[in-house]
Protein backbone atom coordinates (compact mmCIF):
# COMPACT_ATOMS: atom_id res chain seq x y z
CA MET A 1 63.22 86.04 179.67
CA PRO A 2 60.35 84.06 181.25
CA GLN A 3 61.41 81.03 179.20
CA ILE A 4 64.90 81.13 180.70
CA ILE A 5 63.49 81.29 184.22
CA PHE A 6 61.07 78.46 183.48
CA PHE A 7 63.69 76.16 181.97
CA THR A 8 66.12 76.97 184.77
CA ALA A 9 63.49 76.05 187.35
CA VAL A 10 62.67 72.83 185.48
CA GLY A 11 66.38 71.98 185.28
CA VAL A 12 66.92 72.57 188.99
CA ALA A 13 63.84 70.51 189.86
CA ALA A 14 65.03 67.68 187.60
CA TYR A 15 68.50 67.76 189.17
CA VAL A 16 67.12 67.69 192.72
CA GLY A 17 64.75 64.86 191.79
CA TYR A 18 67.57 62.88 190.20
CA ARG A 19 69.78 63.29 193.27
CA ALA A 20 66.94 62.15 195.55
CA PHE A 21 66.33 59.14 193.30
CA VAL A 22 70.01 58.15 193.34
CA LYS A 23 70.21 58.53 197.14
CA GLU A 24 67.14 56.33 197.61
CA ALA A 25 68.47 53.74 195.15
CA GLU A 26 71.78 53.55 197.01
CA ARG A 27 69.94 53.10 200.32
CA VAL A 28 67.81 50.28 198.94
CA THR A 29 70.80 48.60 197.29
CA ALA A 30 72.75 48.70 200.55
CA LYS A 31 69.80 47.19 202.39
CA LEU A 32 69.53 44.38 199.84
CA ARG A 33 73.26 43.65 199.99
CA ARG A 34 73.13 43.55 203.78
CA ALA A 35 70.16 41.16 203.66
CA GLU A 36 71.98 38.94 201.15
CA ARG A 37 75.07 38.79 203.39
CA GLN A 38 72.86 37.92 206.35
CA ARG A 39 71.23 35.07 204.41
CA ALA A 40 74.63 33.78 203.26
CA ASN A 41 76.03 33.83 206.81
CA GLY A 42 72.87 32.57 208.47
CA THR A 43 72.69 35.57 210.79
CA MET A 44 69.51 37.17 212.10
CA GLY A 45 70.63 40.82 211.88
CA THR A 46 73.51 43.26 211.87
CA LEU A 47 74.88 44.61 215.14
CA VAL A 48 75.86 48.27 215.46
CA LYS A 49 77.78 49.70 218.39
CA ASP A 50 76.10 52.58 220.23
CA PRO A 51 78.82 55.24 220.64
CA VAL A 52 77.30 56.64 223.85
CA THR A 53 76.74 53.46 225.87
CA GLY A 54 79.14 51.12 224.07
CA GLU A 55 76.43 48.48 223.74
CA TYR A 56 75.69 46.60 220.56
CA ARG A 57 72.17 46.71 219.15
CA LEU A 58 70.45 45.48 216.00
CA ALA A 59 70.73 47.94 213.10
CA LYS A 60 67.52 49.75 212.22
CA ASP A 61 66.66 50.29 208.56
């Protein structure tokens, strides 16, 4: 019985770690793609509209 609990805990930890790794990889990939588009267009940043004030500001990474 302790082996089942141990391997279940290891499996859950591995799954959570994998999901965190994939989320971080997607975030970094999106940042790199955005930077590549900015270099291709010659822009200095990406503007994002603030829903409260309606003003455009530079996107924060």
